[in-house]
Amino acid sequence: MKRVIVGGISHETSTFTPVATTLQSYHERFLLRGNKILDVLRGTNTPIGGFIDGAAKHGFELIPTFFAEAHTSAPTPRPLFDSFVNELLAGIEAAGSVDGVLLELHGSMCAGDLDGPDAVPDAEGHILTEIRRIVGPEVPILAELDIHSNVTPLMVEMADVLIGRRSYPEIDMAERARECADVLVRIWHEGLRPTMALHQIPMVWGMNQVTAHSPMREAIAELQRIEAQPGVICGSIATCYFLADVPDMGSSVYVVTDNDRAAAQRSADELGQWCYERRADWHFHMPPTREALAQAQAAGRFPVIFADMRDNTGGGSPGDSTGMLRAFVEVGLRDACVLNITDPDAVRQCQAAGVGATLTLDIGGKSSRLQGEPVRMIARVVALSDGKFRYDGPMFAGLENNLGPSAHIEQDGIHVLLTTLREQPFDTAFARTLQLDPRQMRYIGVKSAAHFRAGFESWAGAIHVVSEPSVHNLGHLPFKRLNRRLYPFHQE
């Protein structure tokens, strides 16, 4: 029976957020060793869940090593990063002779002080290089990447196959991992010799990238046309993670062929040029909540969702910006809710007061002055929880999560979910644990860019992506390490 390593280190790194990354950050998400990896992630819509499915389908043995993942936050300190890499490598060395490596990586991780001697601006390239050193040139290394990757030449050189997710919201995590397993089996049994080429597009992809809608739907169709060409094994579009001030930040496409590097490069260049020619299409105006509220009320399609993408915790923001909540309160909305505001101090006050109590709270705005001033509310505590729940899906279907002690408060028809730990709402499962069904609301505010659509869009009357003051407002981000000019930062 073929033996395949499974593991990984996954982190989307913002170089602009005040949210530090610590060992506890990984404990709050995933820090799994050995068979615990398989026990926790089997049957879930996650990359490793998909690797497990692939092993069962094809009849190969998975050798679980080490897996660490944290929510998006600042660079991982170099000593912590090195300890993770060393543990992953030790697991691979202990496995002995293996027939392949399947990894969950993100594609936009960096570690250390990026201005210091311990900088690791390309963490995935570093990880893949170290694994290649151990397994040698003949053992296939395949990795699944996030769609928001900053793909580097080193990553492409060190891996045999990289496969990026192609749905946004990213509901195809397990599907893409199963594709990795399928390609690995073809390498064994069909003699495929993967050759991979990268085209780095001189562009930052805007937020117009929801794959169920135009124009992103057409980009995926173009990718599929490239994949249908003779000799092409697979291809991917990386829309980049623009909150990383690293040399290789930017969008890209990468294509894998069967032993034809020139054809891989031609295909990557063709797809990359197609994307760049449409560069203006990937951007759209994001109004403040007040402006979007007026548009929504004029249109009259309810329930209406307002997505504050600048304070998206999935992108590394603190989750306590107050612009959206302030607009809801000042306009005097009723049957409205905000999901979720990260405010451990307010949660502690609610927990101390108990369900049914009414108290004065200063909500949000505590992590940075850029997140806005706190909003004072005289609110009733509707419900409390320990923060534990299980996702409905389709994103992370079946996976357990814990947002720490949490509270549901209400003032004059405006409901707010307060959490201790950061997380964007992928579906309504967490809200229901706090006696709130967002589907019964008229106005719904979410701290999310697009992943909320996986569990909300099917029943929403309308969706408005809005922009409120945040640490991640694009206008004041001080980029200084980019290695090329990027649209729209640098207009032609």
Protein backbone atom coordinates (compact mmCIF):
# COMPACT_ATOMS: atom_id res chain seq x y z
CA MET A 1 0.00 0.00 0.00
CA LYS A 2 1.29 3.46 -0.91
CA ARG A 3 2.20 5.65 2.07
CA VAL A 4 1.51 9.40 1.95
CA ILE A 5 2.44 12.14 4.38
CA VAL A 6 -0.38 14.52 5.36
CA GLY A 7 -0.03 17.74 7.34
CA GLY A 8 0.68 21.41 6.94
CA ILE A 9 1.05 24.89 8.39
CA SER A 10 -1.63 27.34 7.28
CA HIS A 11 -1.83 31.04 8.03
CA GLU A 12 -2.98 34.07 6.08
CA THR A 13 -0.75 36.87 7.32
CA SER A 14 -1.67 40.53 7.46
CA THR A 15 1.33 42.82 7.89
CA PHE A 16 -0.97 45.71 8.83
CA THR A 17 -3.19 44.31 11.59
CA PRO A 18 -2.61 44.98 15.30
CA VAL A 19 -3.81 41.43 16.07
CA ALA A 20 -0.75 39.50 17.20
CA THR A 21 -0.11 35.86 16.31
CA THR A 22 0.88 33.67 19.26
CA LEU A 23 0.92 30.01 20.18
CA GLN A 24 -2.55 30.59 21.63
CA SER A 25 -3.71 31.81 18.22
CA TYR A 26 -3.02 28.36 16.83
CA HIS A 27 -4.58 26.60 19.81
CA GLU A 28 -7.74 28.62 19.15
CA ARG A 29 -7.95 27.18 15.64
CA PHE A 30 -5.95 24.00 15.01
CA LEU A 31 -2.81 22.58 16.57
CA LEU A 32 -3.02 18.86 15.82
CA ARG A 33 -0.51 16.05 15.93
CA GLY A 34 -0.52 12.50 14.64
CA ASN A 35 -3.82 10.66 14.45
CA LYS A 36 -5.62 13.62 16.06
CA ILE A 37 -5.41 15.26 12.61
CA LEU A 38 -7.49 12.47 11.09
CA ASP A 39 -9.87 12.22 14.05
CA VAL A 40 -10.75 15.93 14.06
CA LEU A 41 -10.90 16.61 10.32
CA ARG A 42 -12.38 13.41 8.90
CA GLY A 43 -15.76 14.05 7.27
CA THR A 44 -15.33 17.85 7.20
CA ASN A 45 -15.27 20.26 4.27
CA THR A 46 -11.62 21.11 4.82
CA PRO A 47 -8.50 20.38 2.78
CA ILE A 48 -7.34 17.63 5.11
CA GLY A 49 -10.88 16.28 5.19
CA GLY A 50 -10.60 16.00 1.41
CA PHE A 51 -7.20 14.30 1.62
CA ILE A 52 -8.79 11.72 3.93
CA ASP A 53 -11.58 11.18 1.39
CA GLY A 54 -9.00 10.77 -1.37
CA ALA A 55 -7.06 8.16 0.60
CA ALA A 56 -10.24 6.18 1.19
CA LYS A 57 -11.19 6.38 -2.50
CA HIS A 58 -7.82 5.30 -3.85
CA GLY A 59 -6.71 2.96 -1.09
CA PHE A 60 -3.49 4.60 0.05
CA GLU A 61 -2.36 5.10 3.64
CA LEU A 62 -2.11 8.56 5.18
CA ILE A 63 0.73 9.19 7.62
CA PRO A 64 -0.45 12.13 9.74
CA THR A 65 2.36 14.33 11.02
CA PHE A 66 1.64 17.88 12.19
CA PHE A 67 -0.96 20.50 11.33
CA ALA A 68 -1.17 24.09 12.60
CA GLU A 69 -3.60 26.79 11.54
CA ALA A 70 -4.52 30.16 13.02
CA HIS A 71 -7.02 32.80 12.03
CA THR A 72 -5.63 35.62 9.92
CA SER A 73 -3.41 37.88 11.99
CA ALA A 74 0.09 39.39 12.10
CA PRO A 75 3.28 37.51 11.14
CA THR A 76 4.05 34.43 13.23
CA PRO A 77 7.13 35.03 15.41
CA ARG A 78 10.16 33.30 13.92
CA PRO A 79 10.87 31.00 16.92
CA LEU A 80 7.27 29.75 16.85
CA PHE A 81 7.34 29.30 13.09
CA ASP A 82 10.61 27.39 13.26
CA SER A 83 9.25 25.13 15.99
CA PHE A 84 6.26 24.26 13.78
CA VAL A 85 8.41 23.61 10.72
CA ASN A 86 10.79 21.45 12.73
CA GLU A 87 7.92 19.40 14.14
CA LEU A 88 6.45 18.88 10.66
CA LEU A 89 9.85 17.85 9.32
CA ALA A 90 10.47 15.51 12.26
CA GLY A 91 7.18 13.76 11.51
CA ILE A 92 8.15 13.33 7.87
CA GLU A 93 11.59 11.97 8.77
CA ALA A 94 10.09 9.56 11.30
CA ALA A 95 7.75 8.16 8.64
CA GLY A 96 10.64 6.72 6.68
CA SER A 97 10.13 5.88 3.01
CA VAL A 98 6.97 7.48 1.58
CA ASP A 99 5.31 7.69 -1.83
CA GLY A 100 3.95 11.22 -1.67
CA VAL A 101 3.22 14.31 0.41
CA LEU A 102 -0.16 16.05 0.66
CA LEU A 103 -0.09 19.46 2.35
CA GLU A 104 -2.55 22.07 3.44
CA LEU A 105 -0.88 25.45 3.05
CA HIS A 106 -2.41 28.88 2.65
CA GLY A 107 -0.22 30.66 0.15
CA SER A 108 0.14 34.02 1.88
CA MET A 109 1.97 33.24 5.10
CA CYS A 110 4.98 35.17 6.35
CA ALA A 111 6.89 34.97 9.60
CA GLY A 112 9.39 36.89 11.67
CA ASP A 113 10.22 40.59 11.67
CA LEU A 114 9.99 41.46 7.99
CA ASP A 115 12.50 44.28 8.48
CA GLY A 116 14.91 42.11 10.44
CA PRO A 117 17.37 39.29 9.80
CA ASP A 118 14.82 36.60 10.74
CA ALA A 119 12.31 37.62 8.03
CA VAL A 120 10.44 34.86 6.18
CA PRO A 121 8.34 36.73 3.59
CA ASP A 122 7.58 33.48 1.72
CA ALA A 123 6.75 30.96 4.43
CA GLU A 124 5.25 28.42 2.04
CA GLY A 125 8.36 28.51 -0.14
CA HIS A 126 10.46 27.93 2.96
CA ILE A 127 8.28 25.00 4.13
CA LEU A 128 8.27 23.36 0.71
CA THR A 129 12.05 23.76 0.38
CA GLU A 130 12.65 22.06 3.71
CA ILE A 131 10.29 19.20 2.89
CA ARG A 132 11.92 18.72 -0.52
CA ARG A 133 15.30 18.51 1.20
CA ILE A 134 14.07 15.59 3.26
CA VAL A 135 12.00 13.57 0.75
CA GLY A 136 14.26 14.17 -2.25
CA PRO A 137 13.44 15.00 -5.86
CA GLU A 138 11.46 11.85 -6.73
CA VAL A 139 8.70 11.96 -4.09
CA PRO A 140 5.70 13.99 -5.35
CA ILE A 141 4.75 16.98 -3.19
CA LEU A 142 1.23 18.33 -3.74
CA ALA A 143 -0.41 21.16 -1.82
CA GLU A 144 -3.78 22.85 -1.77
CA LEU A 145 -3.69 26.65 -1.58
CA ASP A 146 -6.26 29.30 -0.73
CA ILE A 147 -7.64 31.35 -3.63
CA HIS A 148 -6.11 34.40 -1.87
CA SER A 149 -2.50 33.33 -2.34
CA ASN A 150 0.59 35.35 -3.18
CA VAL A 151 2.25 32.60 -5.19
CA THR A 152 6.04 32.78 -5.52
CA PRO A 153 8.50 31.23 -7.98
CA LEU A 154 10.05 29.28 -5.10
CA MET A 155 6.72 27.66 -4.25
CA VAL A 156 6.31 26.57 -7.86
CA GLU A 157 9.88 25.27 -8.02
CA MET A 158 9.68 23.20 -4.84
CA ALA A 159 6.22 21.62 -5.28
CA ASP A 160 5.25 19.17 -8.01
CA VAL A 161 1.64 20.33 -8.05
CA LEU A 162 -0.15 23.29 -6.44
CA ILE A 163 -3.93 23.38 -6.68
CA GLY A 164 -5.76 26.51 -5.58
CA ARG A 165 -9.35 26.72 -4.53
CA ARG A 166 -11.55 28.14 -7.28
CA SER A 167 -14.72 29.06 -5.44
CA TYR A 168 -15.29 32.22 -3.44
CA PRO A 169 -16.82 31.73 -0.93
CA GLU A 170 -14.40 28.82 -0.65
CA ILE A 171 -16.82 25.94 -0.46
CA ASP A 172 -14.59 23.60 -2.51
CA MET A 173 -11.90 22.95 0.09
CA ALA A 174 -12.46 19.19 0.29
CA GLU A 175 -13.11 19.00 -3.47
CA ARG A 176 -9.77 20.55 -4.37
CA ALA A 177 -8.00 18.27 -1.90
CA ARG A 178 -9.62 15.25 -3.52
CA GLU A 179 -8.29 16.59 -6.82
CA CYS A 180 -4.79 16.65 -5.30
CA ALA A 181 -5.22 12.99 -4.35
CA ASP A 182 -6.47 12.13 -7.84
CA VAL A 183 -3.42 13.75 -9.46
CA LEU A 184 -1.07 11.97 -7.04
CA VAL A 185 -2.56 8.62 -8.04
CA ARG A 186 -2.17 9.50 -11.73
CA ILE A 187 1.51 10.23 -11.10
CA TRP A 188 1.89 6.74 -9.67
CA HIS A 189 -0.20 4.78 -12.14
CA GLU A 190 -0.16 6.79 -15.38
CA GLY A 191 3.38 8.06 -15.21
CA LEU A 192 2.43 11.74 -15.22
CA ARG A 193 5.41 14.06 -14.94
CA PRO A 194 3.96 17.33 -13.65
CA THR A 195 5.62 20.55 -14.81
CA MET A 196 4.30 23.78 -13.39
CA ALA A 197 4.57 27.38 -14.60
CA LEU A 198 3.66 30.66 -12.91
CA HIS A 199 2.50 33.96 -14.38
CA GLN A 200 2.54 36.78 -11.83
CA ILE A 201 -0.02 39.38 -12.91
CA PRO A 202 0.96 43.03 -12.21
CA MET A 203 -2.34 43.56 -10.44
CA VAL A 204 -4.11 43.47 -7.10
CA TRP A 205 -7.43 41.72 -7.59
CA GLY A 206 -10.29 43.72 -6.12
CA MET A 207 -13.22 42.32 -4.17
CA ASN A 208 -15.28 41.63 -7.30
CA GLN A 209 -14.38 37.96 -7.13
CA VAL A 210 -17.48 36.05 -6.03
CA THR A 211 -17.29 33.08 -8.37
CA ALA A 212 -21.03 32.50 -8.68
CA HIS A 213 -21.44 35.91 -10.33
CA SER A 214 -20.03 37.78 -13.29
CA PRO A 215 -17.32 38.75 -14.01
CA MET A 216 -15.54 36.15 -11.86
CA ARG A 217 -17.72 33.40 -13.29
CA GLU A 218 -16.22 34.13 -16.70
CA ALA A 219 -12.69 33.98 -15.28
CA ILE A 220 -13.35 30.48 -13.93
CA ALA A 221 -14.81 29.49 -17.31
CA GLU A 222 -11.62 30.72 -18.99
CA LEU A 223 -9.55 28.71 -16.50
CA GLN A 224 -11.58 25.62 -17.35
CA ARG A 225 -11.01 26.25 -21.07
CA ILE A 226 -7.26 26.31 -20.44
CA GLU A 227 -7.51 23.10 -18.42
CA ALA A 228 -9.29 21.36 -21.30
CA GLN A 229 -6.30 21.83 -23.58
CA PRO A 230 -4.28 18.68 -24.40
CA GLY A 231 -1.56 17.93 -21.87
CA VAL A 232 -2.85 20.30 -19.17
CA ILE A 233 -3.33 18.58 -15.83
CA CYS A 234 -4.75 21.49 -13.84
CA GLY A 235 -4.62 25.24 -13.40
CA SER A 236 -5.48 27.83 -10.77
CA ILE A 237 -6.16 31.53 -10.36
CA ALA A 238 -4.82 33.26 -7.25
CA THR A 239 -6.58 36.55 -6.59
CA CYS A 240 -3.86 37.48 -4.04
CA TYR A 241 -3.97 38.57 -0.42
CA PHE A 242 -3.33 42.30 -0.67
CA LEU A 243 -2.89 42.96 3.05
CA ALA A 244 0.62 41.52 2.99
CA ASP A 245 3.51 43.91 2.37
CA VAL A 246 5.86 41.31 0.90
CA PRO A 247 7.79 41.27 -2.39
CA ASP A 248 5.59 38.73 -4.20
CA MET A 249 2.24 40.17 -3.17
CA GLY A 250 -0.07 40.19 -6.17
CA SER A 251 -2.40 38.11 -8.30
CA SER A 252 -1.18 35.19 -10.38
CA VAL A 253 -2.14 32.11 -12.34
CA TYR A 254 -0.30 28.80 -12.33
CA VAL A 255 -0.71 25.86 -14.69
CA VAL A 256 0.50 22.25 -14.51
CA THR A 257 1.13 20.18 -17.66
CA ASP A 258 2.39 16.67 -18.28
CA ASN A 259 6.13 17.10 -18.92
CA ASP A 260 5.84 20.23 -21.09
CA ARG A 261 7.12 23.28 -19.27
CA ALA A 262 6.90 25.51 -22.33
CA ALA A 263 3.23 24.65 -22.80
CA ALA A 264 2.60 25.26 -19.10
CA GLN A 265 4.17 28.71 -19.38
CA ARG A 266 2.23 29.56 -22.56
CA SER A 267 -1.04 28.57 -20.89
CA ALA A 268 -0.23 30.51 -17.71
CA ASP A 269 0.76 33.58 -19.73
CA GLU A 270 -2.41 33.36 -21.81
CA LEU A 271 -4.69 33.12 -18.79
CA GLY A 272 -2.75 35.79 -16.92
CA GLN A 273 -3.04 38.22 -19.81
CA TRP A 274 -6.77 37.51 -20.09
CA CYS A 275 -7.17 38.44 -16.42
CA TYR A 276 -5.03 41.56 -16.69
CA GLU A 277 -6.88 42.89 -19.72
CA ARG A 278 -10.01 42.93 -17.54
CA ARG A 279 -8.26 44.45 -14.51
CA ALA A 280 -10.84 47.21 -14.00
CA ASP A 281 -13.63 44.61 -13.84
CA TRP A 282 -12.32 43.13 -10.60
CA HIS A 283 -12.96 46.34 -8.63
CA PHE A 284 -16.18 48.04 -7.55
CA HIS A 285 -17.27 50.94 -5.34
CA MET A 286 -17.99 50.10 -1.70
CA PRO A 287 -20.13 52.81 -0.08
CA PRO A 288 -20.41 53.51 3.64
CA THR A 289 -23.28 51.81 5.46
CA ARG A 290 -25.41 54.98 5.56
CA GLU A 291 -25.32 55.28 1.76
CA ALA A 292 -26.04 51.59 1.27
CA LEU A 293 -28.95 51.76 3.73
CA ALA A 294 -30.61 54.46 1.66
CA GLN A 295 -30.17 52.37 -1.49
CA ALA A 296 -31.56 49.28 0.21
CA GLN A 297 -34.60 51.02 1.60
CA ALA A 298 -35.36 52.51 -1.80
CA ALA A 299 -35.10 49.08 -3.45
CA GLY A 300 -37.22 47.36 -0.79
CA ARG A 301 -35.75 43.84 -1.11
CA PHE A 302 -35.55 42.28 2.34
CA PRO A 303 -33.88 40.86 4.30
CA VAL A 304 -30.93 42.98 3.25
CA ILE A 305 -27.36 42.14 4.21
CA PHE A 306 -24.57 44.70 4.65
CA ALA A 307 -21.09 43.17 4.50
CA ASP A 308 -18.36 45.24 6.15
CA MET A 309 -15.41 43.80 4.25
CA ARG A 310 -12.81 46.14 5.77
CA ASP A 311 -13.39 44.70 9.27
CA ASN A 312 -13.46 41.12 8.03
CA THR A 313 -11.79 39.04 10.73
CA GLY A 314 -11.14 36.42 8.05
CA GLY A 315 -8.83 38.99 6.49
CA GLY A 316 -7.05 39.75 9.76
CA SER A 317 -9.05 42.68 11.09
CA PRO A 318 -9.76 42.94 14.83
CA GLY A 319 -13.53 42.59 14.35
CA ASP A 320 -14.50 45.52 16.57
CA SER A 321 -14.96 48.41 14.14
CA THR A 322 -18.04 50.44 14.93
CA GLY A 323 -19.05 52.27 11.75
CA MET A 324 -21.77 49.82 10.76
CA LEU A 325 -23.25 49.51 14.25
CA ARG A 326 -23.22 53.29 14.70
CA ALA A 327 -25.12 53.73 11.43
CA PHE A 328 -27.74 51.17 12.48
CA VAL A 329 -28.24 52.91 15.85
CA GLU A 330 -28.30 56.46 14.49
CA VAL A 331 -30.79 55.61 11.74
CA GLY A 332 -32.97 53.86 14.31
CA LEU A 333 -33.35 50.51 12.58
CA ARG A 334 -35.51 47.79 14.03
CA ASP A 335 -35.37 44.06 13.33
CA ALA A 336 -31.66 44.51 12.72
CA CYS A 337 -28.57 42.60 13.81
CA VAL A 338 -24.78 42.81 13.62
CA LEU A 339 -22.71 39.61 13.42
CA ASN A 340 -20.20 39.54 15.13
CA ILE A 341 -18.33 42.17 17.15
CA THR A 342 -15.24 40.93 18.96
CA ASP A 343 -15.33 42.55 22.40
CA PRO A 344 -14.19 40.36 25.31
CA ASP A 345 -14.66 43.20 27.81
CA ALA A 346 -18.33 43.71 26.90
CA VAL A 347 -18.87 39.94 26.99
CA ARG A 348 -17.47 39.78 30.53
CA GLN A 349 -19.87 42.50 31.64
CA CYS A 350 -22.80 40.64 30.09
CA GLN A 351 -21.74 37.37 31.69
CA ALA A 352 -21.51 39.09 35.08
CA ALA A 353 -24.93 40.74 34.71
CA GLY A 354 -26.71 37.62 33.45
CA VAL A 355 -29.53 36.95 31.01
CA GLY A 356 -32.35 39.48 31.29
CA ALA A 357 -30.20 42.23 32.76
CA THR A 358 -30.09 45.69 31.20
CA LEU A 359 -26.76 47.50 31.33
CA THR A 360 -24.81 50.30 29.72
CA LEU A 361 -22.06 49.04 27.44
CA ASP A 362 -19.42 50.70 25.28
CA ILE A 363 -19.30 48.37 22.30
CA GLY A 364 -16.29 47.90 20.02
CA GLY A 365 -13.56 50.34 19.04
CA LYS A 366 -11.10 49.03 21.61
CA SER A 367 -8.34 47.48 19.48
CA SER A 368 -7.26 50.58 17.53
CA ARG A 369 -8.36 54.17 17.03
CA LEU A 370 -8.66 53.30 13.32
CA GLN A 371 -11.58 51.01 14.19
CA GLY A 372 -13.77 53.94 15.28
CA GLU A 373 -15.00 55.09 18.67
CA PRO A 374 -17.00 52.71 20.89
CA VAL A 375 -20.79 52.84 20.54
CA ARG A 376 -22.65 53.32 23.82
CA MET A 377 -25.69 51.06 24.13
CA ILE A 378 -28.20 50.54 26.90
CA ALA A 379 -28.85 46.92 26.06
CA ARG A 380 -30.64 43.88 27.39
CA VAL A 381 -28.74 40.62 27.64
CA VAL A 382 -30.83 38.19 25.59
CA ALA A 383 -28.61 35.11 25.75
CA LEU A 384 -25.16 33.90 26.78
CA SER A 385 -23.06 30.98 25.59
CA ASP A 386 -19.66 29.36 25.91
CA GLY A 387 -19.13 29.98 22.19
CA LYS A 388 -19.07 26.33 21.10
CA PHE A 389 -20.99 25.30 17.98
CA ARG A 390 -20.80 23.21 14.81
CA TYR A 391 -20.97 24.70 11.30
CA ASP A 392 -23.94 23.87 9.11
CA GLY A 393 -21.94 24.47 5.94
CA PRO A 394 -21.38 24.40 3.10
CA MET A 395 -18.16 26.07 4.30
CA PHE A 396 -16.58 23.98 7.06
CA ALA A 397 -19.63 21.70 7.12
CA GLY A 398 -19.49 19.46 10.18
CA LEU A 399 -16.53 21.24 11.77
CA GLU A 400 -16.68 22.28 15.42
CA ASN A 401 -15.60 25.76 16.46
CA ASN A 402 -15.39 27.82 19.63
CA LEU A 403 -15.62 31.62 19.75
CA GLY A 404 -15.17 31.72 23.52
CA PRO A 405 -17.68 33.25 25.96
CA SER A 406 -20.25 35.14 23.89
CA ALA A 407 -23.36 37.26 24.36
CA HIS A 408 -26.46 38.36 22.47
CA ILE A 409 -27.57 41.88 23.39
CA GLU A 410 -30.48 43.98 22.12
CA GLN A 411 -31.35 47.67 22.20
CA ASP A 412 -34.54 49.00 20.62
CA GLY A 413 -34.71 46.25 18.01
CA ILE A 414 -31.00 46.16 17.17
CA HIS A 415 -29.38 42.84 18.08
CA VAL A 416 -25.60 42.43 18.42
CA LEU A 417 -23.61 39.25 18.88
CA LEU A 418 -20.50 39.81 20.98
CA THR A 419 -17.66 37.28 20.98
CA THR A 420 -14.38 36.77 22.79
CA LEU A 421 -12.56 35.30 19.79
CA ARG A 422 -12.62 36.57 16.21
CA GLU A 423 -14.60 34.83 13.47
CA GLN A 424 -16.66 35.90 10.50
CA PRO A 425 -20.14 34.34 10.09
CA PHE A 426 -19.98 31.55 7.51
CA ASP A 427 -23.55 30.44 8.27
CA THR A 428 -26.22 31.00 10.92
CA ALA A 429 -25.24 28.12 13.24
CA PHE A 430 -23.42 30.26 15.81
CA ALA A 431 -26.18 32.90 15.92
CA ARG A 432 -28.79 30.24 16.64
CA THR A 433 -26.86 29.08 19.72
CA LEU A 434 -27.52 32.59 21.06
CA GLN A 435 -31.25 32.57 20.26
CA LEU A 436 -30.90 34.72 17.16
CA ASP A 437 -32.12 33.60 13.76
CA PRO A 438 -30.79 36.16 11.24
CA ARG A 439 -33.37 34.99 8.71
CA GLN A 440 -36.04 36.65 10.87
CA MET A 441 -34.27 40.01 10.74
CA ARG A 442 -34.89 42.79 8.21
CA TYR A 443 -31.37 44.31 8.28
CA ILE A 444 -28.31 42.11 8.79
CA GLY A 445 -24.77 43.43 9.21
CA VAL A 446 -21.87 40.99 8.89
CA LYS A 447 -18.14 41.46 9.39
CA SER A 448 -17.15 39.54 6.27
CA ALA A 449 -16.05 40.12 2.68
CA ALA A 450 -17.73 37.22 0.89
CA HIS A 451 -17.57 33.96 2.86
CA PHE A 452 -20.86 34.82 4.56
CA ARG A 453 -22.54 34.28 1.18
CA ALA A 454 -22.09 30.51 1.54
CA GLY A 455 -24.72 30.41 4.29
CA PHE A 456 -26.67 33.65 3.70
CA GLU A 457 -26.99 34.48 0.02
CA SER A 458 -29.61 31.85 -0.82
CA TRP A 459 -32.23 33.57 1.34
CA ALA A 460 -31.11 37.22 1.21
CA GLY A 461 -33.26 39.75 -0.60
CA ALA A 462 -30.24 41.94 -1.36
CA ILE A 463 -26.56 42.22 -0.44
CA HIS A 464 -24.50 45.41 -0.18
CA VAL A 465 -20.73 45.32 0.37
CA VAL A 466 -19.81 48.39 2.44
CA SER A 467 -16.65 50.03 3.71
CA GLU A 468 -16.22 51.51 7.16
CA PRO A 469 -13.10 52.85 8.92
CA SER A 470 -10.73 50.03 9.84
CA VAL A 471 -7.07 49.17 10.25
CA HIS A 472 -7.34 47.67 6.77
CA ASN A 473 -8.60 50.70 4.87
CA LEU A 474 -6.60 50.58 1.68
CA GLY A 475 -5.88 54.29 1.46
CA HIS A 476 -3.51 54.40 4.44
CA LEU A 477 -1.63 51.09 4.06
CA PRO A 478 2.11 51.88 3.80
CA PHE A 479 3.44 49.37 1.26
CA LYS A 480 7.25 49.46 1.00
CA ARG A 481 8.42 45.95 0.02
CA LEU A 482 6.64 45.24 -3.30
CA ASN A 483 8.90 43.99 -6.07
CA ARG A 484 6.79 45.31 -8.97
CA ARG A 485 4.21 47.89 -9.91
CA LEU A 486 0.66 46.72 -9.30
CA TYR A 487 -2.65 47.96 -10.64
CA PRO A 488 -4.54 49.84 -9.19
CA PHE A 489 -1.83 51.06 -6.77
CA HIS A 490 0.20 52.24 -9.73
CA GLN A 491 -1.97 53.57 -12.54
CA GLU A 492 -0.62 53.42 -16.07
